[in-house]
Amino acid sequence: MSAFSDLDMCLPFIESQSQYPAALVPGPIAPRHAAPRLAITISRQSGSGAHAVGEKLAQYLQTCVPHETLPWMLFDRNLVEHVLEDHNLPRRLAPFMTEDRVTGITDMIEELFGLHPPFYTLVDITTETIQHLAEQGNVILIGRGANVIARNLPHVFHVRLVASLEKRVAHMQELRGLSAKAARELVLAEDRGRRRYLKKYFHQDFDNPLLYNLVINTDHTTYDDAARLICEAALQHLRHRTLDTAAHRTEAASTVAPRA
């Protein structure tokens, strides 16, 4: 896969866009249409390289999508800050907005002492921001149940990254400078927390492959190749959606067109 250039990877999408306006409106002159939206969610096992893949993916997509669209943005560790800004909430709430659920007792005590709003409220506002970002498009959303939140949006492409525990622990050691034991404990704790979060607030199992358009094992795929693979698959998804939309609108126009 790495043998292909960025341009080669983008050509099918570019060609489809050059045909898009003409397919929508019959006649000699077709009006210009805004580029179709695309967004990507990435669910991940801890230590499978989601942030590294997401950064590379944003670069590839920025090359491939039409220049007049919004710049591609990656939301991962910075999502909480965006949520707080979006809802005019103080930054002091950030430590309480983990991708895990606290116990009911802990939540009640912290709420009682005015440390934060109820955890359900924090999840609700996070969900609202994710929904808004996904609807807008040109975003890569990592974690926080984004794949479930945006599952009814046809322009969103859902990815799951997995890897062996051994590889994930090694990656976490390198990333955080931890011992093997500490890295293993962190990986397992984050996996448990994310599983609880999705189960508690969205009633879903993040290991369910039916939640995703694409599952990639980063044991056998480099982060760069994983990003390229996601880019190719997502653009193909968008291309099919664009052509389906064009065909539907053309059919609708021919149905209502007056007879000569």
C-alpha atoms as a PDB file:
ATOM      1  CA  MET A   1       0.000   0.000   0.000  1.00  0.00           C
ATOM      2  CA  SER A   2       2.838   2.416   0.751  1.00  0.00           C
ATOM      3  CA  ALA A   3       3.920   2.220  -2.867  1.00  0.00           C
ATOM      4  CA  PHE A   4       0.996   4.442  -3.877  1.00  0.00           C
ATOM      5  CA  SER A   5       1.394   8.225  -3.835  1.00  0.00           C
ATOM      6  CA  ASP A   6      -1.073  10.506  -2.063  1.00  0.00           C
ATOM      7  CA  LEU A   7      -2.365  11.593  -5.476  1.00  0.00           C
ATOM      8  CA  ASP A   8      -2.943   8.000  -6.598  1.00  0.00           C
ATOM      9  CA  MET A   9      -4.918   7.410  -3.428  1.00  0.00           C
ATOM     10  CA  CYS A  10      -7.109  10.460  -4.062  1.00  0.00           C
ATOM     11  CA  LEU A  11      -7.779  10.056  -7.796  1.00  0.00           C
ATOM     12  CA  PRO A  12     -10.994   7.964  -7.571  1.00  0.00           C
ATOM     13  CA  PHE A  13     -12.505  10.542  -5.195  1.00  0.00           C
ATOM     14  CA  ILE A  14     -11.374  13.509  -7.304  1.00  0.00           C
ATOM     15  CA  GLU A  15     -12.806  11.930 -10.453  1.00  0.00           C
ATOM     16  CA  SER A  16     -16.126  11.261  -8.762  1.00  0.00           C
ATOM     17  CA  GLN A  17     -16.344  14.893  -7.622  1.00  0.00           C
ATOM     18  CA  SER A  18     -15.718  16.164 -11.144  1.00  0.00           C
ATOM     19  CA  GLN A  19     -18.845  14.270 -12.224  1.00  0.00           C
ATOM     20  CA  TYR A  20     -20.980  15.129  -9.215  1.00  0.00           C
ATOM     21  CA  PRO A  21     -22.616  18.472 -10.185  1.00  0.00           C
ATOM     22  CA  ALA A  22     -23.531  17.358 -13.718  1.00  0.00           C
ATOM     23  CA  ALA A  23     -25.194  14.238 -12.388  1.00  0.00           C
ATOM     24  CA  LEU A  24     -27.380  16.246 -10.039  1.00  0.00           C
ATOM     25  CA  VAL A  25     -28.975  18.757 -12.342  1.00  0.00           C
ATOM     26  CA  PRO A  26     -29.855  17.950 -15.959  1.00  0.00           C
ATOM     27  CA  GLY A  27     -29.252  20.638 -18.563  1.00  0.00           C
ATOM     28  CA  PRO A  28     -26.371  22.433 -20.225  1.00  0.00           C
ATOM     29  CA  ILE A  29     -25.289  24.401 -17.149  1.00  0.00           C
ATOM     30  CA  ALA A  30     -25.099  22.782 -13.726  1.00  0.00           C
ATOM     31  CA  PRO A  31     -24.874  24.953 -10.610  1.00  0.00           C
ATOM     32  CA  ARG A  32     -21.912  24.511  -8.294  1.00  0.00           C
ATOM     33  CA  HIS A  33     -22.554  22.338  -5.258  1.00  0.00           C
ATOM     34  CA  ALA A  34     -20.772  22.234  -1.957  1.00  0.00           C
ATOM     35  CA  ALA A  35     -18.467  19.258  -1.496  1.00  0.00           C
ATOM     36  CA  PRO A  36     -20.145  16.359   0.317  1.00  0.00           C
ATOM     37  CA  ARG A  37     -19.338  15.983   3.976  1.00  0.00           C
ATOM     38  CA  LEU A  38     -17.202  13.267   5.510  1.00  0.00           C
ATOM     39  CA  ALA A  39     -16.293  12.511   9.127  1.00  0.00           C
ATOM     40  CA  ILE A  40     -14.445   9.595  10.700  1.00  0.00           C
ATOM     41  CA  THR A  41     -14.687   8.041  14.152  1.00  0.00           C
ATOM     42  CA  ILE A  42     -11.916   5.880  15.602  1.00  0.00           C
ATOM     43  CA  SER A  43     -12.589   3.454  18.428  1.00  0.00           C
ATOM     44  CA  ARG A  44      -9.463   1.849  19.845  1.00  0.00           C
ATOM     45  CA  GLN A  45      -7.915  -0.575  22.248  1.00  0.00           C
ATOM     46  CA  SER A  46      -5.530   1.250  24.555  1.00  0.00           C
ATOM     47  CA  GLY A  47      -2.051   1.442  23.059  1.00  0.00           C
ATOM     48  CA  SER A  48      -3.106   0.499  19.519  1.00  0.00           C
ATOM     49  CA  GLY A  49      -1.820   3.807  18.113  1.00  0.00           C
ATOM     50  CA  ALA A  50      -5.042   5.726  17.538  1.00  0.00           C
ATOM     51  CA  HIS A  51      -3.582   9.201  18.058  1.00  0.00           C
ATOM     52  CA  ALA A  52      -0.612   8.557  15.755  1.00  0.00           C
ATOM     53  CA  VAL A  53      -2.908   7.074  13.102  1.00  0.00           C
ATOM     54  CA  GLY A  54      -5.356   9.962  13.504  1.00  0.00           C
ATOM     55  CA  GLU A  55      -2.643  12.585  12.966  1.00  0.00           C
ATOM     56  CA  LYS A  56      -1.409  10.902   9.784  1.00  0.00           C
ATOM     57  CA  LEU A  57      -4.983  10.386   8.590  1.00  0.00           C
ATOM     58  CA  ALA A  58      -5.771  14.092   8.981  1.00  0.00           C
ATOM     59  CA  GLN A  59      -2.780  14.924   6.774  1.00  0.00           C
ATOM     60  CA  TYR A  60      -3.831  12.493   4.056  1.00  0.00           C
ATOM     61  CA  LEU A  61      -7.426  13.686   4.079  1.00  0.00           C
ATOM     62  CA  GLN A  62      -6.353  17.310   3.889  1.00  0.00           C
ATOM     63  CA  THR A  63      -4.532  16.403   0.678  1.00  0.00           C
ATOM     64  CA  CYS A  64      -7.447  14.484  -0.806  1.00  0.00           C
ATOM     65  CA  VAL A  65     -10.538  16.545  -0.023  1.00  0.00           C
ATOM     66  CA  PRO A  66     -11.462  19.602  -2.101  1.00  0.00           C
ATOM     67  CA  HIS A  67      -9.524  22.700  -1.068  1.00  0.00           C
ATOM     68  CA  GLU A  68     -12.635  24.806  -0.385  1.00  0.00           C
ATOM     69  CA  THR A  69     -13.791  22.580   2.487  1.00  0.00           C
ATOM     70  CA  LEU A  70     -12.992  23.130   6.143  1.00  0.00           C
ATOM     71  CA  PRO A  71      -9.528  22.026   7.305  1.00  0.00           C
ATOM     72  CA  TRP A  72      -9.481  18.552   8.821  1.00  0.00           C
ATOM     73  CA  MET A  73      -9.389  18.501  12.619  1.00  0.00           C
ATOM     74  CA  LEU A  74      -8.425  15.661  14.960  1.00  0.00           C
ATOM     75  CA  PHE A  75     -10.307  15.486  18.268  1.00  0.00           C
ATOM     76  CA  ASP A  76      -8.809  13.178  20.873  1.00  0.00           C
ATOM     77  CA  ARG A  77      -7.123  14.564  23.969  1.00  0.00           C
ATOM     78  CA  ASN A  78      -8.299  18.066  23.030  1.00  0.00           C
ATOM     79  CA  LEU A  79     -11.989  17.086  22.844  1.00  0.00           C
ATOM     80  CA  VAL A  80     -12.691  17.924  26.504  1.00  0.00           C
ATOM     81  CA  GLU A  81     -11.361  21.454  26.048  1.00  0.00           C
ATOM     82  CA  HIS A  82     -13.597  21.892  23.011  1.00  0.00           C
ATOM     83  CA  VAL A  83     -16.633  20.594  24.933  1.00  0.00           C
ATOM     84  CA  LEU A  84     -16.026  23.033  27.802  1.00  0.00           C
ATOM     85  CA  GLU A  85     -15.555  25.932  25.402  1.00  0.00           C
ATOM     86  CA  ASP A  86     -18.620  24.887  23.393  1.00  0.00           C
ATOM     87  CA  HIS A  87     -20.804  24.969  26.519  1.00  0.00           C
ATOM     88  CA  ASN A  88     -19.144  27.929  28.290  1.00  0.00           C
ATOM     89  CA  LEU A  89     -18.013  25.771  31.210  1.00  0.00           C
ATOM     90  CA  PRO A  90     -14.943  26.354  33.436  1.00  0.00           C
ATOM     91  CA  ARG A  91     -11.719  24.505  32.620  1.00  0.00           C
ATOM     92  CA  ARG A  92     -11.572  23.169  36.183  1.00  0.00           C
ATOM     93  CA  LEU A  93     -14.125  20.521  35.127  1.00  0.00           C
ATOM     94  CA  ALA A  94     -11.678  18.878  32.707  1.00  0.00           C
ATOM     95  CA  PRO A  95     -10.201  16.375  35.239  1.00  0.00           C
ATOM     96  CA  PHE A  96     -13.698  15.034  35.971  1.00  0.00           C
ATOM     97  CA  MET A  97     -14.491  14.322  32.305  1.00  0.00           C
ATOM     98  CA  THR A  98     -12.621  11.053  31.945  1.00  0.00           C
ATOM     99  CA  GLU A  99     -13.499   8.355  29.419  1.00  0.00           C
ATOM    100  CA  ASP A 100     -14.695   6.171  32.268  1.00  0.00           C
ATOM    101  CA  ARG A 101     -17.547   6.208  34.665  1.00  0.00           C
ATOM    102  CA  VAL A 102     -17.123   7.046  38.327  1.00  0.00           C
ATOM    103  CA  THR A 103     -19.095   5.124  40.922  1.00  0.00           C
ATOM    104  CA  GLY A 104     -22.497   6.461  41.858  1.00  0.00           C
ATOM    105  CA  ILE A 105     -21.310   7.235  45.366  1.00  0.00           C
ATOM    106  CA  THR A 106     -18.229   9.126  44.180  1.00  0.00           C
ATOM    107  CA  ASP A 107     -20.288  11.086  41.692  1.00  0.00           C
ATOM    108  CA  MET A 108     -22.853  11.981  44.367  1.00  0.00           C
ATOM    109  CA  ILE A 109     -20.184  13.116  46.848  1.00  0.00           C
ATOM    110  CA  GLU A 110     -18.339  15.230  44.283  1.00  0.00           C
ATOM    111  CA  GLU A 111     -21.602  16.739  43.093  1.00  0.00           C
ATOM    112  CA  LEU A 112     -22.628  17.452  46.699  1.00  0.00           C
ATOM    113  CA  PHE A 113     -19.420  19.401  47.293  1.00  0.00           C
ATOM    114  CA  GLY A 114     -19.926  21.337  44.073  1.00  0.00           C
ATOM    115  CA  LEU A 115     -16.901  19.882  42.325  1.00  0.00           C
ATOM    116  CA  HIS A 116     -18.795  19.211  39.111  1.00  0.00           C
ATOM    117  CA  PRO A 117     -22.294  18.742  37.653  1.00  0.00           C
ATOM    118  CA  PRO A 118     -23.705  15.178  37.650  1.00  0.00           C
ATOM    119  CA  PHE A 119     -21.588  12.866  35.501  1.00  0.00           C
ATOM    120  CA  TYR A 120     -24.594  12.133  33.291  1.00  0.00           C
ATOM    121  CA  THR A 121     -24.752  15.850  32.509  1.00  0.00           C
ATOM    122  CA  LEU A 122     -21.075  15.887  31.518  1.00  0.00           C
ATOM    123  CA  VAL A 123     -21.656  12.900  29.240  1.00  0.00           C
ATOM    124  CA  ASP A 124     -24.705  14.620  27.711  1.00  0.00           C
ATOM    125  CA  ILE A 125     -22.835  17.794  26.818  1.00  0.00           C
ATOM    126  CA  THR A 126     -19.930  15.759  25.434  1.00  0.00           C
ATOM    127  CA  THR A 127     -22.383  13.804  23.299  1.00  0.00           C
ATOM    128  CA  GLU A 128     -23.963  17.023  22.039  1.00  0.00           C
ATOM    129  CA  THR A 129     -20.598  18.440  20.973  1.00  0.00           C
ATOM    130  CA  ILE A 130     -19.571  15.193  19.252  1.00  0.00           C
ATOM    131  CA  GLN A 131     -22.882  15.111  17.376  1.00  0.00           C
ATOM    132  CA  HIS A 132     -22.376  18.699  16.229  1.00  0.00           C
ATOM    133  CA  LEU A 133     -18.797  18.053  15.074  1.00  0.00           C
ATOM    134  CA  ALA A 134     -19.810  14.887  13.209  1.00  0.00           C
ATOM    135  CA  GLU A 135     -22.669  16.700  11.467  1.00  0.00           C
ATOM    136  CA  GLN A 136     -20.301  19.481  10.424  1.00  0.00           C
ATOM    137  CA  GLY A 137     -17.811  17.039   8.861  1.00  0.00           C
ATOM    138  CA  ASN A 138     -14.056  17.218   8.213  1.00  0.00           C
ATOM    139  CA  VAL A 139     -13.333  15.827  11.666  1.00  0.00           C
ATOM    140  CA  ILE A 140     -11.700  12.706  13.074  1.00  0.00           C
ATOM    141  CA  LEU A 141     -13.229  11.811  16.429  1.00  0.00           C
ATOM    142  CA  ILE A 142     -11.384   9.376  18.687  1.00  0.00           C
ATOM    143  CA  GLY A 143     -13.243   7.561  21.459  1.00  0.00           C
ATOM    144  CA  ARG A 144     -16.008   8.857  23.743  1.00  0.00           C
ATOM    145  CA  GLY A 145     -18.618   6.689  22.009  1.00  0.00           C
ATOM    146  CA  ALA A 146     -18.412   8.829  18.860  1.00  0.00           C
ATOM    147  CA  ASN A 147     -19.109   5.826  16.639  1.00  0.00           C
ATOM    148  CA  VAL A 148     -22.397   5.191  18.465  1.00  0.00           C
ATOM    149  CA  ILE A 149     -23.342   8.861  18.701  1.00  0.00           C
ATOM    150  CA  ALA A 150     -22.868   9.374  14.950  1.00  0.00           C
ATOM    151  CA  ARG A 151     -24.057   5.973  13.762  1.00  0.00           C
ATOM    152  CA  ASN A 152     -27.153   7.401  12.032  1.00  0.00           C
ATOM    153  CA  LEU A 153     -25.195   9.948   9.996  1.00  0.00           C
ATOM    154  CA  PRO A 154     -24.553   8.408   6.558  1.00  0.00           C
ATOM    155  CA  HIS A 155     -21.457  10.534   5.871  1.00  0.00           C
ATOM    156  CA  VAL A 156     -19.577   9.217   8.928  1.00  0.00           C
ATOM    157  CA  PHE A 157     -17.104   6.329   8.519  1.00  0.00           C
ATOM    158  CA  HIS A 158     -16.376   4.213  11.614  1.00  0.00           C
ATOM    159  CA  VAL A 159     -13.037   2.541  12.343  1.00  0.00           C
ATOM    160  CA  ARG A 160     -11.798   0.244  15.123  1.00  0.00           C
ATOM    161  CA  LEU A 161      -8.067  -0.191  15.909  1.00  0.00           C
ATOM    162  CA  VAL A 162      -6.935  -3.337  17.722  1.00  0.00           C
ATOM    163  CA  ALA A 163      -3.599  -4.960  18.558  1.00  0.00           C
ATOM    164  CA  SER A 164      -2.167  -7.679  20.767  1.00  0.00           C
ATOM    165  CA  LEU A 165      -1.685  -6.866  24.455  1.00  0.00           C
ATOM    166  CA  GLU A 166       2.065  -7.380  24.061  1.00  0.00           C
ATOM    167  CA  LYS A 167       2.339  -4.796  21.285  1.00  0.00           C
ATOM    168  CA  ARG A 168       0.072  -2.340  23.064  1.00  0.00           C
ATOM    169  CA  VAL A 169       2.068  -2.576  26.269  1.00  0.00           C
ATOM    170  CA  ALA A 170       5.306  -1.998  24.343  1.00  0.00           C
ATOM    171  CA  HIS A 171       3.789   1.038  22.621  1.00  0.00           C
ATOM    172  CA  MET A 172       2.625   2.460  25.947  1.00  0.00           C
ATOM    173  CA  GLN A 173       6.082   1.931  27.448  1.00  0.00           C
ATOM    174  CA  GLU A 174       7.628   3.896  24.609  1.00  0.00           C
ATOM    175  CA  LEU A 175       4.952   6.582  24.642  1.00  0.00           C
ATOM    176  CA  ARG A 176       4.811   7.196  28.403  1.00  0.00           C
ATOM    177  CA  GLY A 177       8.238   6.010  29.529  1.00  0.00           C
ATOM    178  CA  LEU A 178       6.723   3.382  31.843  1.00  0.00           C
ATOM    179  CA  SER A 179       7.927   0.022  33.083  1.00  0.00           C
ATOM    180  CA  ALA A 180       6.393  -3.066  31.457  1.00  0.00           C
ATOM    181  CA  LYS A 181       4.288  -3.710  34.566  1.00  0.00           C
ATOM    182  CA  ALA A 182       3.012  -0.121  34.809  1.00  0.00           C
ATOM    183  CA  ALA A 183       2.274   0.013  31.068  1.00  0.00           C
ATOM    184  CA  ARG A 184       0.333  -3.251  31.215  1.00  0.00           C
ATOM    185  CA  GLU A 185      -1.738  -2.027  34.172  1.00  0.00           C
ATOM    186  CA  LEU A 186      -2.481   1.251  32.374  1.00  0.00           C
ATOM    187  CA  VAL A 187      -3.521  -0.466  29.140  1.00  0.00           C
ATOM    188  CA  LEU A 188      -5.859  -2.870  30.933  1.00  0.00           C
ATOM    189  CA  ALA A 189      -7.311  -0.094  33.127  1.00  0.00           C
ATOM    190  CA  GLU A 190      -8.024   2.149  30.123  1.00  0.00           C
ATOM    191  CA  ASP A 191      -9.667  -0.729  28.245  1.00  0.00           C
ATOM    192  CA  ARG A 192     -11.894  -1.492  31.229  1.00  0.00           C
ATOM    193  CA  GLY A 193     -12.815   2.156  31.618  1.00  0.00           C
ATOM    194  CA  ARG A 194     -13.728   2.623  27.979  1.00  0.00           C
ATOM    195  CA  ARG A 195     -15.754  -0.566  27.971  1.00  0.00           C
ATOM    196  CA  ARG A 196     -17.678   0.608  31.057  1.00  0.00           C
ATOM    197  CA  TYR A 197     -18.211   4.067  29.567  1.00  0.00           C
ATOM    198  CA  LEU A 198     -19.743   2.715  26.359  1.00  0.00           C
ATOM    199  CA  LYS A 199     -21.813   0.111  28.183  1.00  0.00           C
ATOM    200  CA  LYS A 200     -23.062   2.462  30.909  1.00  0.00           C
ATOM    201  CA  TYR A 201     -24.023   5.452  28.778  1.00  0.00           C
ATOM    202  CA  PHE A 202     -24.650   4.001  25.311  1.00  0.00           C
ATOM    203  CA  HIS A 203     -25.582   0.362  26.069  1.00  0.00           C
ATOM    204  CA  GLN A 204     -23.081  -0.948  23.533  1.00  0.00           C
ATOM    205  CA  ASP A 205     -20.103  -3.315  23.564  1.00  0.00           C
ATOM    206  CA  PHE A 206     -17.120  -1.688  21.878  1.00  0.00           C
ATOM    207  CA  ASP A 207     -15.818  -5.118  20.808  1.00  0.00           C
ATOM    208  CA  ASN A 208     -18.889  -5.603  18.586  1.00  0.00           C
ATOM    209  CA  PRO A 209     -17.464  -5.557  15.013  1.00  0.00           C
ATOM    210  CA  LEU A 210     -20.869  -4.572  13.598  1.00  0.00           C
ATOM    211  CA  LEU A 211     -20.362  -1.065  15.011  1.00  0.00           C
ATOM    212  CA  TYR A 212     -17.578  -0.388  12.503  1.00  0.00           C
ATOM    213  CA  ASN A 213     -17.044  -0.062   8.763  1.00  0.00           C
ATOM    214  CA  LEU A 214     -13.416  -1.144   9.126  1.00  0.00           C
ATOM    215  CA  VAL A 215     -11.331  -2.950  11.783  1.00  0.00           C
ATOM    216  CA  ILE A 216      -7.512  -2.739  11.570  1.00  0.00           C
ATOM    217  CA  ASN A 217      -4.954  -4.792  13.511  1.00  0.00           C
ATOM    218  CA  THR A 218      -1.925  -2.517  14.049  1.00  0.00           C
ATOM    219  CA  ASP A 219       0.202  -5.538  14.928  1.00  0.00           C
ATOM    220  CA  HIS A 220       0.452  -6.201  11.206  1.00  0.00           C
ATOM    221  CA  THR A 221      -0.138  -2.721   9.793  1.00  0.00           C
ATOM    222  CA  THR A 222       2.099   0.297  10.359  1.00  0.00           C
ATOM    223  CA  TYR A 223       0.436   3.453  11.620  1.00  0.00           C
ATOM    224  CA  ASP A 224       1.185   5.145   8.304  1.00  0.00           C
ATOM    225  CA  ASP A 225      -0.347   2.299   6.296  1.00  0.00           C
ATOM    226  CA  ALA A 226      -3.327   2.182   8.661  1.00  0.00           C
ATOM    227  CA  ALA A 227      -3.940   5.889   8.019  1.00  0.00           C
ATOM    228  CA  ARG A 228      -3.697   5.352   4.252  1.00  0.00           C
ATOM    229  CA  LEU A 229      -6.052   2.383   4.412  1.00  0.00           C
ATOM    230  CA  ILE A 230      -8.642   4.356   6.390  1.00  0.00           C
ATOM    231  CA  CYS A 231      -8.303   7.305   4.005  1.00  0.00           C
ATOM    232  CA  GLU A 232      -8.837   5.113   0.943  1.00  0.00           C
ATOM    233  CA  ALA A 233     -11.787   3.273   2.481  1.00  0.00           C
ATOM    234  CA  ALA A 234     -13.442   6.456   3.793  1.00  0.00           C
ATOM    235  CA  LEU A 235     -13.119   8.242   0.444  1.00  0.00           C
ATOM    236  CA  GLN A 236     -14.537   5.211  -1.326  1.00  0.00           C
ATOM    237  CA  HIS A 237     -17.419   5.260   1.163  1.00  0.00           C
ATOM    238  CA  LEU A 238     -17.982   8.950   0.376  1.00  0.00           C
ATOM    239  CA  ARG A 239     -17.720   8.317  -3.372  1.00  0.00           C
ATOM    240  CA  HIS A 240     -20.438   5.647  -3.254  1.00  0.00           C
ATOM    241  CA  ARG A 241     -22.611   7.886  -1.102  1.00  0.00           C
ATOM    242  CA  THR A 242     -22.115  10.802  -3.521  1.00  0.00           C
ATOM    243  CA  LEU A 243     -23.036   8.717  -6.566  1.00  0.00           C
ATOM    244  CA  ASP A 244     -26.058   7.229  -4.783  1.00  0.00           C
ATOM    245  CA  THR A 245     -27.227  10.731  -3.865  1.00  0.00           C
ATOM    246  CA  ALA A 246     -26.723  11.945  -7.426  1.00  0.00           C
ATOM    247  CA  ALA A 247     -28.677   9.003  -8.835  1.00  0.00           C
ATOM    248  CA  HIS A 248     -31.482   9.538  -6.330  1.00  0.00           C
ATOM    249  CA  ARG A 249     -31.792  13.254  -7.132  1.00  0.00           C
ATOM    250  CA  THR A 250     -31.662  12.630 -10.873  1.00  0.00           C
ATOM    251  CA  GLU A 251     -34.398  10.022 -10.534  1.00  0.00           C
ATOM    252  CA  ALA A 252     -36.475  12.399  -8.420  1.00  0.00           C
ATOM    253  CA  ALA A 253     -36.020  15.221 -10.952  1.00  0.00           C
ATOM    254  CA  SER A 254     -37.086  13.009 -13.857  1.00  0.00           C
ATOM    255  CA  THR A 255     -40.139  11.896 -11.908  1.00  0.00           C
ATOM    256  CA  VAL A 256     -41.443  15.420 -11.322  1.00  0.00           C
ATOM    257  CA  ALA A 257     -40.318  16.892 -14.668  1.00  0.00           C
ATOM    258  CA  PRO A 258     -43.285  18.118 -16.762  1.00  0.00           C
ATOM    259  CA  ARG A 259     -43.942  16.399 -20.052  1.00  0.00           C
ATOM    260  CA  ALA A 260     -42.910  18.235 -23.205  1.00  0.00           C
END
